[in-house]
N, C-alpha and C. Protein backbone atom coordinates (compact mmCIF):
# COMPACT_ATOMS: atom_id res chain seq x y z
N MET A 1 139.90 108.29 0.86
CA MET A 1 138.91 107.23 1.05
C MET A 1 139.05 106.83 2.49
N SER A 2 137.87 106.82 3.13
CA SER A 2 137.93 106.50 4.59
C SER A 2 138.06 104.99 4.77
N LEU A 3 138.38 104.62 5.99
CA LEU A 3 138.50 103.24 6.30
C LEU A 3 137.18 102.49 6.14
N GLN A 4 136.11 103.15 6.43
CA GLN A 4 134.74 102.48 6.32
C GLN A 4 134.45 102.25 4.84
N ASN A 5 134.79 103.14 3.96
CA ASN A 5 134.55 103.03 2.55
C ASN A 5 135.41 101.90 1.97
N LEU A 6 136.62 101.81 2.45
CA LEU A 6 137.54 100.76 2.01
C LEU A 6 137.05 99.36 2.44
N VAL A 7 136.44 99.27 3.63
CA VAL A 7 135.91 98.03 4.14
C VAL A 7 134.67 97.62 3.27
N GLN A 8 133.86 98.63 2.94
CA GLN A 8 132.68 98.40 2.08
C GLN A 8 133.12 97.86 0.68
N VAL A 9 134.13 98.53 0.06
CA VAL A 9 134.61 98.02 -1.21
C VAL A 9 135.18 96.64 -1.15
N ALA A 10 135.95 96.39 -0.11
CA ALA A 10 136.51 95.01 0.03
C ALA A 10 135.40 94.00 0.25
N THR A 11 134.39 94.33 1.04
CA THR A 11 133.32 93.43 1.21
C THR A 11 132.53 93.13 -0.14
N ILE A 12 132.32 94.17 -0.91
CA ILE A 12 131.73 93.95 -2.25
C ILE A 12 132.59 93.01 -3.06
N PHE A 13 133.94 93.22 -3.10
CA PHE A 13 134.77 92.37 -3.87
C PHE A 13 134.80 90.93 -3.40
N LEU A 14 134.74 90.77 -2.12
CA LEU A 14 134.72 89.40 -1.50
C LEU A 14 133.40 88.75 -1.85
N ALA A 15 132.28 89.50 -1.81
CA ALA A 15 131.02 88.94 -2.16
C ALA A 15 130.98 88.46 -3.68
N LEU A 16 131.52 89.35 -4.50
CA LEU A 16 131.58 89.04 -5.90
C LEU A 16 132.48 87.84 -6.22
N ALA A 17 133.62 87.75 -5.44
CA ALA A 17 134.51 86.58 -5.61
C ALA A 17 133.78 85.33 -5.15
N ALA A 18 133.06 85.41 -4.08
CA ALA A 18 132.35 84.20 -3.62
C ALA A 18 131.25 83.75 -4.61
N ILE A 19 130.51 84.72 -5.18
CA ILE A 19 129.51 84.41 -6.18
C ILE A 19 130.20 83.82 -7.42
N PHE A 20 131.25 84.36 -7.86
CA PHE A 20 132.04 83.83 -9.03
C PHE A 20 132.54 82.47 -8.73
N GLY A 21 133.08 82.23 -7.50
CA GLY A 21 133.59 80.87 -7.16
C GLY A 21 132.47 79.90 -7.12
N ALA A 22 131.30 80.28 -6.57
CA ALA A 22 130.15 79.36 -6.51
C ALA A 22 129.67 78.98 -7.95
N PHE A 23 129.63 80.03 -8.78
CA PHE A 23 129.19 79.77 -10.17
C PHE A 23 130.17 78.87 -10.88
N THR A 24 131.47 79.10 -10.70
CA THR A 24 132.48 78.21 -11.31
C THR A 24 132.38 76.81 -10.83
N ALA A 25 132.27 76.68 -9.51
CA ALA A 25 132.12 75.32 -8.92
C ALA A 25 130.85 74.61 -9.51
N TYR A 26 129.72 75.35 -9.63
CA TYR A 26 128.50 74.73 -10.22
C TYR A 26 128.77 74.34 -11.67
N ARG A 27 129.35 75.12 -12.47
CA ARG A 27 129.70 74.78 -13.86
C ARG A 27 130.61 73.56 -13.93
N GLN A 28 131.56 73.45 -13.05
CA GLN A 28 132.49 72.29 -13.04
C GLN A 28 131.76 70.97 -12.58
N TRP A 29 130.87 71.21 -11.59
CA TRP A 29 130.07 70.05 -11.13
C TRP A 29 129.12 69.57 -12.23
N LYS A 30 128.48 70.50 -12.92
CA LYS A 30 127.52 70.13 -13.96
C LYS A 30 128.30 69.40 -15.08
N ALA A 31 129.49 69.93 -15.47
CA ALA A 31 130.32 69.34 -16.55
C ALA A 31 130.76 67.95 -16.15
N MET A 32 131.08 67.74 -14.81
CA MET A 32 131.54 66.50 -14.41
C MET A 32 130.35 65.45 -14.52
N GLY A 33 129.16 65.90 -14.21
CA GLY A 33 128.02 65.02 -14.36
C GLY A 33 127.75 64.55 -15.75
N VAL A 34 127.94 65.44 -16.75
CA VAL A 34 127.89 65.13 -18.17
C VAL A 34 128.90 64.08 -18.55
N HIS A 35 130.11 64.29 -18.07
CA HIS A 35 131.24 63.33 -18.40
C HIS A 35 130.93 62.00 -17.74
N GLN A 36 130.40 62.00 -16.51
CA GLN A 36 130.18 60.72 -15.87
C GLN A 36 129.02 59.99 -16.54
N ARG A 37 128.03 60.68 -17.05
CA ARG A 37 126.91 60.05 -17.72
C ARG A 37 127.45 59.49 -19.06
N ARG A 38 128.30 60.21 -19.72
CA ARG A 38 128.86 59.69 -20.99
C ARG A 38 129.71 58.48 -20.69
N ASP A 39 130.54 58.54 -19.68
CA ASP A 39 131.38 57.38 -19.29
C ASP A 39 130.54 56.16 -19.03
N THR A 40 129.38 56.36 -18.28
CA THR A 40 128.56 55.30 -18.01
C THR A 40 127.89 54.74 -19.24
N PHE A 41 127.48 55.58 -20.14
CA PHE A 41 126.97 55.15 -21.40
C PHE A 41 127.90 54.36 -22.19
N LEU A 42 129.15 54.81 -22.28
CA LEU A 42 130.22 54.08 -22.95
C LEU A 42 130.46 52.73 -22.36
N LYS A 43 130.34 52.65 -21.02
CA LYS A 43 130.57 51.30 -20.38
C LYS A 43 129.39 50.36 -20.76
N LEU A 44 128.17 50.87 -20.85
CA LEU A 44 127.04 50.09 -21.28
C LEU A 44 127.22 49.60 -22.77
N LEU A 45 127.74 50.49 -23.58
CA LEU A 45 128.02 50.07 -24.95
C LEU A 45 129.15 49.01 -25.05
N ASP A 46 130.15 49.14 -24.14
CA ASP A 46 131.21 48.13 -24.07
C ASP A 46 130.55 46.81 -23.65
N GLU A 47 129.57 46.84 -22.72
CA GLU A 47 128.94 45.61 -22.33
C GLU A 47 128.19 44.98 -23.38
N ILE A 48 127.54 45.70 -24.24
CA ILE A 48 126.81 45.14 -25.38
C ILE A 48 127.65 44.61 -26.44
N THR A 49 128.90 45.13 -26.56
CA THR A 49 129.89 44.63 -27.55
C THR A 49 130.87 43.69 -26.99
N SER A 50 130.76 43.29 -25.73
CA SER A 50 131.64 42.37 -25.13
C SER A 50 131.59 41.01 -25.76
N LYS A 51 132.61 40.23 -25.57
CA LYS A 51 132.64 38.85 -26.16
C LYS A 51 131.43 38.02 -25.73
N SER A 52 131.09 38.08 -24.49
CA SER A 52 129.94 37.36 -23.94
C SER A 52 128.70 37.76 -24.60
N ALA A 53 128.46 39.09 -24.76
CA ALA A 53 127.19 39.58 -25.34
C ALA A 53 127.14 39.17 -26.79
N ARG A 54 128.25 39.27 -27.50
CA ARG A 54 128.28 38.87 -28.94
C ARG A 54 127.94 37.38 -29.08
N SER A 55 128.45 36.65 -28.20
CA SER A 55 128.24 35.18 -28.14
C SER A 55 126.78 34.92 -27.84
N SER A 56 126.17 35.63 -26.96
CA SER A 56 124.70 35.47 -26.72
C SER A 56 123.96 35.73 -27.96
N ARG A 57 124.25 36.87 -28.64
CA ARG A 57 123.52 37.22 -29.79
C ARG A 57 123.69 36.23 -30.93
N ALA A 58 124.85 35.72 -31.02
CA ALA A 58 125.11 34.73 -32.06
C ALA A 58 124.25 33.50 -31.86
N ILE A 59 124.08 33.03 -30.58
CA ILE A 59 123.24 31.90 -30.28
C ILE A 59 121.78 32.26 -30.61
N LEU A 60 121.35 33.49 -30.28
CA LEU A 60 119.96 33.85 -30.58
C LEU A 60 119.67 33.91 -32.09
N HIS A 61 120.67 34.40 -32.81
CA HIS A 61 120.51 34.45 -34.28
C HIS A 61 120.41 33.07 -34.92
N LEU A 62 121.13 32.09 -34.28
CA LEU A 62 121.16 30.75 -34.79
C LEU A 62 119.78 30.02 -34.41
N ASP A 63 119.34 30.23 -33.24
CA ASP A 63 118.29 29.39 -32.69
C ASP A 63 116.85 29.98 -32.61
N ILE A 64 116.81 31.27 -32.75
CA ILE A 64 115.47 31.86 -32.67
C ILE A 64 115.19 32.66 -33.90
N GLU A 65 114.03 32.31 -34.54
CA GLU A 65 113.62 33.10 -35.72
C GLU A 65 113.06 34.48 -35.35
N ASP A 66 113.07 35.35 -36.30
CA ASP A 66 112.45 36.65 -36.08
C ASP A 66 111.01 36.46 -35.76
N ASP A 67 110.48 37.34 -34.86
CA ASP A 67 109.10 37.31 -34.41
C ASP A 67 108.63 35.96 -33.90
N ALA A 68 109.58 35.34 -33.17
CA ALA A 68 109.30 34.05 -32.60
C ALA A 68 108.20 34.19 -31.58
N PRO A 69 107.28 33.23 -31.53
CA PRO A 69 106.19 33.19 -30.51
C PRO A 69 106.77 33.12 -29.13
N SER A 70 106.11 33.71 -28.25
CA SER A 70 106.68 33.76 -26.84
C SER A 70 106.68 32.29 -26.28
N GLU A 71 105.82 31.45 -26.74
CA GLU A 71 105.85 30.06 -26.29
C GLU A 71 107.17 29.40 -26.60
N THR A 72 107.69 29.66 -27.83
CA THR A 72 108.94 29.05 -28.28
C THR A 72 110.01 29.46 -27.30
N ILE A 73 110.17 30.74 -27.07
CA ILE A 73 111.21 31.27 -26.16
C ILE A 73 111.03 30.72 -24.76
N LYS A 74 109.77 30.76 -24.30
CA LYS A 74 109.51 30.23 -22.99
C LYS A 74 109.90 28.70 -22.88
N ALA A 75 109.68 27.99 -23.87
CA ALA A 75 110.08 26.59 -23.86
C ALA A 75 111.58 26.45 -23.77
N TYR A 76 112.35 27.30 -24.47
CA TYR A 76 113.81 27.30 -24.45
C TYR A 76 114.23 27.62 -22.99
N ILE A 77 113.59 28.57 -22.35
CA ILE A 77 114.01 28.91 -21.05
C ILE A 77 113.61 27.85 -20.06
N ASP A 78 112.44 27.26 -20.19
CA ASP A 78 111.97 26.22 -19.26
C ASP A 78 112.90 24.97 -19.34
N LYS A 79 113.35 24.66 -20.52
CA LYS A 79 114.25 23.52 -20.69
C LYS A 79 115.64 23.75 -20.30
N GLY A 80 116.07 25.07 -20.38
CA GLY A 80 117.45 25.39 -20.11
C GLY A 80 118.38 24.74 -21.11
N ARG A 81 117.93 24.59 -22.35
CA ARG A 81 118.66 23.80 -23.44
C ARG A 81 120.06 24.38 -23.61
N GLN A 82 121.03 23.48 -23.75
CA GLN A 82 122.45 23.93 -23.98
C GLN A 82 122.68 24.11 -25.43
N LYS A 83 123.48 25.13 -25.77
CA LYS A 83 123.89 25.35 -27.15
C LYS A 83 125.38 25.83 -27.14
N GLN A 84 126.11 25.19 -27.98
CA GLN A 84 127.59 25.52 -28.02
C GLN A 84 127.79 26.78 -28.87
N ALA A 85 128.44 27.76 -28.16
CA ALA A 85 128.78 29.00 -28.88
C ALA A 85 130.15 28.76 -29.58
N PRO A 86 130.46 29.65 -30.50
CA PRO A 86 131.78 29.43 -31.16
C PRO A 86 132.99 29.24 -30.20
N ASP A 87 132.98 29.93 -29.05
CA ASP A 87 134.11 29.83 -28.27
C ASP A 87 133.87 29.43 -26.81
N GLU A 88 132.61 29.16 -26.49
CA GLU A 88 132.28 28.70 -25.14
C GLU A 88 130.90 28.10 -25.13
N GLU A 89 130.63 27.33 -24.03
CA GLU A 89 129.37 26.72 -23.96
C GLU A 89 128.46 27.71 -23.23
N LYS A 90 127.34 27.96 -23.80
CA LYS A 90 126.45 28.94 -23.13
C LYS A 90 125.03 28.41 -23.25
N ASN A 91 124.32 28.48 -22.23
CA ASN A 91 122.92 28.06 -22.18
C ASN A 91 122.08 29.08 -22.88
N LEU A 92 121.17 28.64 -23.70
CA LEU A 92 120.27 29.54 -24.52
C LEU A 92 119.46 30.36 -23.55
N LYS A 93 119.02 29.78 -22.48
CA LYS A 93 118.24 30.52 -21.45
C LYS A 93 119.06 31.72 -20.98
N ASP A 94 120.38 31.48 -20.65
CA ASP A 94 121.18 32.52 -20.24
C ASP A 94 121.44 33.64 -21.25
N ALA A 95 121.57 33.17 -22.52
CA ALA A 95 121.75 34.12 -23.65
C ALA A 95 120.58 35.00 -23.80
N ILE A 96 119.35 34.40 -23.65
CA ILE A 96 118.14 35.25 -23.78
C ILE A 96 118.08 36.28 -22.63
N GLU A 97 118.27 35.82 -21.43
CA GLU A 97 118.17 36.73 -20.28
C GLU A 97 119.30 37.72 -20.23
N GLU A 98 120.48 37.32 -20.58
CA GLU A 98 121.57 38.30 -20.64
C GLU A 98 121.35 39.41 -21.68
N THR A 99 120.87 39.02 -22.77
CA THR A 99 120.56 40.00 -23.84
C THR A 99 119.47 40.98 -23.45
N ILE A 100 118.39 40.41 -22.92
CA ILE A 100 117.26 41.34 -22.51
C ILE A 100 117.72 42.29 -21.42
N VAL A 101 118.41 41.81 -20.40
CA VAL A 101 118.94 42.64 -19.31
C VAL A 101 119.92 43.74 -19.87
N SER A 102 120.78 43.33 -20.79
CA SER A 102 121.73 44.34 -21.35
C SER A 102 121.01 45.51 -22.05
N PHE A 103 120.06 45.11 -22.86
CA PHE A 103 119.35 46.17 -23.60
C PHE A 103 118.41 46.95 -22.69
N ASP A 104 117.89 46.31 -21.68
CA ASP A 104 117.10 46.97 -20.67
C ASP A 104 117.87 48.09 -19.98
N LYS A 105 119.09 47.74 -19.65
CA LYS A 105 120.00 48.76 -18.99
C LYS A 105 120.28 49.94 -19.93
N VAL A 106 120.59 49.67 -21.17
CA VAL A 106 120.79 50.77 -22.05
C VAL A 106 119.53 51.57 -22.23
N GLY A 107 118.36 50.94 -22.38
CA GLY A 107 117.15 51.65 -22.51
C GLY A 107 116.86 52.56 -21.24
N TYR A 108 117.10 51.97 -20.07
CA TYR A 108 116.91 52.68 -18.85
C TYR A 108 117.75 53.98 -18.85
N PHE A 109 119.06 53.80 -19.20
CA PHE A 109 119.90 54.91 -19.11
C PHE A 109 119.52 55.98 -20.09
N LEU A 110 119.14 55.58 -21.33
CA LEU A 110 118.77 56.61 -22.32
C LEU A 110 117.50 57.25 -21.97
N GLN A 111 116.62 56.59 -21.26
CA GLN A 111 115.42 57.21 -20.79
C GLN A 111 115.66 58.26 -19.78
N LYS A 112 116.63 58.00 -18.88
CA LYS A 112 116.98 58.90 -17.83
C LYS A 112 117.80 60.08 -18.36
N ASP A 113 118.49 59.92 -19.49
CA ASP A 113 119.32 60.96 -20.09
C ASP A 113 119.10 60.97 -21.59
N PRO A 114 117.90 61.49 -22.01
CA PRO A 114 117.53 61.37 -23.41
C PRO A 114 118.40 62.20 -24.35
N GLY A 115 119.16 63.12 -23.84
CA GLY A 115 120.12 63.83 -24.65
C GLY A 115 121.15 62.97 -25.31
N LEU A 116 121.42 61.84 -24.74
CA LEU A 116 122.52 60.93 -25.31
C LEU A 116 121.94 60.08 -26.48
N LYS A 117 120.59 60.06 -26.69
CA LYS A 117 120.03 59.29 -27.77
C LYS A 117 120.66 59.70 -29.15
N ASP A 118 120.80 61.00 -29.33
CA ASP A 118 121.36 61.43 -30.60
C ASP A 118 122.84 61.17 -30.74
N GLU A 119 123.49 60.98 -29.54
CA GLU A 119 124.93 60.66 -29.56
C GLU A 119 125.21 59.19 -29.75
N ALA A 120 124.14 58.38 -29.53
CA ALA A 120 124.37 56.95 -29.65
C ALA A 120 124.71 56.52 -31.05
N PRO A 121 125.59 55.58 -31.22
CA PRO A 121 125.98 55.16 -32.49
C PRO A 121 124.81 54.48 -33.26
N GLN A 122 124.82 54.58 -34.55
CA GLN A 122 123.67 53.96 -35.31
C GLN A 122 123.59 52.45 -35.09
N TRP A 123 124.71 51.85 -34.89
CA TRP A 123 124.68 50.36 -34.67
C TRP A 123 123.88 49.89 -33.49
N ILE A 124 123.81 50.79 -32.51
CA ILE A 124 123.01 50.39 -31.31
C ILE A 124 121.56 50.27 -31.63
N TRP A 125 121.06 51.11 -32.52
CA TRP A 125 119.68 51.03 -32.94
C TRP A 125 119.41 49.77 -33.87
N THR A 126 120.40 49.48 -34.63
CA THR A 126 120.29 48.28 -35.57
C THR A 126 120.23 47.02 -34.73
N ILE A 127 121.18 46.92 -33.83
CA ILE A 127 121.26 45.68 -32.95
C ILE A 127 120.02 45.60 -32.09
N THR A 128 119.61 46.68 -31.53
CA THR A 128 118.37 46.63 -30.67
C THR A 128 117.23 46.20 -31.49
N TYR A 129 117.01 46.74 -32.65
CA TYR A 129 115.93 46.39 -33.52
C TYR A 129 115.91 44.87 -33.80
N GLY A 130 117.07 44.35 -34.17
CA GLY A 130 117.23 42.91 -34.46
C GLY A 130 116.96 42.07 -33.26
N MET A 131 117.42 42.45 -32.12
CA MET A 131 117.19 41.57 -30.91
C MET A 131 115.73 41.66 -30.47
N TRP A 132 115.12 42.79 -30.63
CA TRP A 132 113.70 42.97 -30.38
C TRP A 132 112.85 42.04 -31.24
N ARG A 133 113.29 41.96 -32.48
CA ARG A 133 112.54 41.04 -33.42
C ARG A 133 112.62 39.60 -32.97
N LYS A 134 113.74 39.24 -32.32
CA LYS A 134 113.92 37.89 -31.83
C LYS A 134 113.21 37.69 -30.48
N LEU A 135 113.23 38.68 -29.60
CA LEU A 135 112.79 38.54 -28.28
C LEU A 135 111.60 39.31 -27.79
N GLY A 136 111.13 40.20 -28.69
CA GLY A 136 110.08 41.11 -28.29
C GLY A 136 108.79 40.47 -27.77
N ARG A 137 108.35 39.41 -28.52
CA ARG A 137 107.12 38.76 -28.11
C ARG A 137 107.25 38.09 -26.73
N TYR A 138 108.43 37.62 -26.46
CA TYR A 138 108.64 37.05 -25.12
C TYR A 138 108.55 38.17 -24.03
N VAL A 139 109.21 39.29 -24.29
CA VAL A 139 109.17 40.38 -23.30
C VAL A 139 107.73 40.79 -23.06
N ILE A 140 106.94 40.95 -24.15
CA ILE A 140 105.60 41.39 -23.97
C ILE A 140 104.77 40.27 -23.21
N TYR A 141 105.05 39.02 -23.49
CA TYR A 141 104.41 37.89 -22.79
C TYR A 141 104.68 38.07 -21.27
N ARG A 142 105.99 38.28 -20.93
CA ARG A 142 106.31 38.33 -19.49
C ARG A 142 105.64 39.58 -18.92
N GLN A 143 105.60 40.68 -19.66
CA GLN A 143 104.94 41.91 -19.08
C GLN A 143 103.42 41.70 -18.86
N GLU A 144 102.76 41.16 -19.90
CA GLU A 144 101.34 41.11 -19.87
C GLU A 144 100.80 39.83 -19.26
N ASP A 145 101.20 38.68 -19.73
CA ASP A 145 100.62 37.43 -19.34
C ASP A 145 101.10 37.01 -17.90
N GLU A 146 102.30 37.38 -17.57
CA GLU A 146 102.83 37.04 -16.26
C GLU A 146 102.68 38.25 -15.31
N ASN A 147 102.01 39.26 -15.73
CA ASN A 147 101.75 40.45 -14.88
C ASN A 147 102.99 41.04 -14.31
N SER A 148 104.03 41.27 -15.23
CA SER A 148 105.32 41.88 -14.77
C SER A 148 105.59 43.06 -15.69
N PRO A 149 104.79 44.14 -15.62
CA PRO A 149 104.94 45.21 -16.46
C PRO A 149 106.29 45.93 -16.52
N ALA A 150 107.03 45.80 -15.49
CA ALA A 150 108.39 46.45 -15.49
C ALA A 150 109.48 45.59 -16.16
N TRP A 151 109.17 44.30 -16.33
CA TRP A 151 110.21 43.40 -16.90
C TRP A 151 110.52 43.77 -18.35
N GLY A 152 111.68 44.15 -18.60
CA GLY A 152 112.09 44.47 -19.94
C GLY A 152 111.47 45.76 -20.51
N LYS A 153 110.89 46.57 -19.63
CA LYS A 153 110.20 47.78 -20.03
C LYS A 153 111.11 48.63 -20.84
N TYR A 154 112.33 48.88 -20.38
CA TYR A 154 113.23 49.83 -20.99
C TYR A 154 113.77 49.23 -22.35
N PHE A 155 113.88 47.94 -22.41
CA PHE A 155 114.25 47.24 -23.70
C PHE A 155 113.15 47.50 -24.64
N ARG A 156 111.97 47.37 -24.28
CA ARG A 156 110.83 47.63 -25.15
C ARG A 156 110.77 49.10 -25.61
N ASP A 157 111.00 50.02 -24.70
CA ASP A 157 111.04 51.47 -25.06
C ASP A 157 112.22 51.71 -26.03
N LEU A 158 113.38 51.13 -25.78
CA LEU A 158 114.54 51.27 -26.64
C LEU A 158 114.20 50.73 -28.01
N ALA A 159 113.57 49.56 -28.10
CA ALA A 159 113.19 48.97 -29.39
C ALA A 159 112.19 49.81 -30.14
N GLU A 160 111.28 50.45 -29.44
CA GLU A 160 110.36 51.41 -30.18
C GLU A 160 111.11 52.52 -30.76
N GLU A 161 112.09 53.07 -30.04
CA GLU A 161 112.93 54.12 -30.58
C GLU A 161 113.74 53.60 -31.74
N ALA A 162 114.30 52.36 -31.64
CA ALA A 162 115.09 51.79 -32.71
C ALA A 162 114.21 51.61 -33.89
N ALA A 163 112.94 51.19 -33.80
CA ALA A 163 112.15 50.95 -35.00
C ALA A 163 111.88 52.26 -35.70
N LYS A 164 111.70 53.32 -34.90
CA LYS A 164 111.49 54.70 -35.51
C LYS A 164 112.76 55.07 -36.32
N ARG A 165 113.87 54.83 -35.71
CA ARG A 165 115.15 55.23 -36.36
C ARG A 165 115.47 54.37 -37.61
N GLN A 166 114.99 53.09 -37.54
CA GLN A 166 115.22 52.19 -38.72
C GLN A 166 114.43 52.69 -39.92
N LYS A 167 113.27 53.28 -39.64
CA LYS A 167 112.40 53.76 -40.75
C LYS A 167 112.91 55.12 -41.35
N GLN A 168 113.82 55.73 -40.67
CA GLN A 168 114.34 57.06 -41.15
C GLN A 168 115.26 56.90 -42.34
């Protein structure tokens, strides 16, 4: 084998090694992205199950009936009425807004990565459905009557998905 043939074979091997290395790096990068998205989703689920979030939902369950008119919730927010939670004092207005924002974040994330919807635990759909029954009319009021279509949009989308899953 001549030196020129040996150089050609070595060049081919180096090119194949570079392609294999690039492919391996791409697969690792893609897998890392999946793990990061799952970690982010788990952090959002932790946020929804935090002590503060549970306290907010407890207040909402006590003070707001299902399918409450938007005017009722708007009045709570306007007044900033105080309500004692089991372990801390929390404003009902804050409980409403914290809950909507939390579910809006989960809805946003699941819309951006719909593959995780099937991995989401069943309880997320149950809680979302229940909270939408409490706050849905207010979200729609804010979107339509106050001309804020983006406000709570992902919570609304998440609630629609939750309603479908509740019927299954």
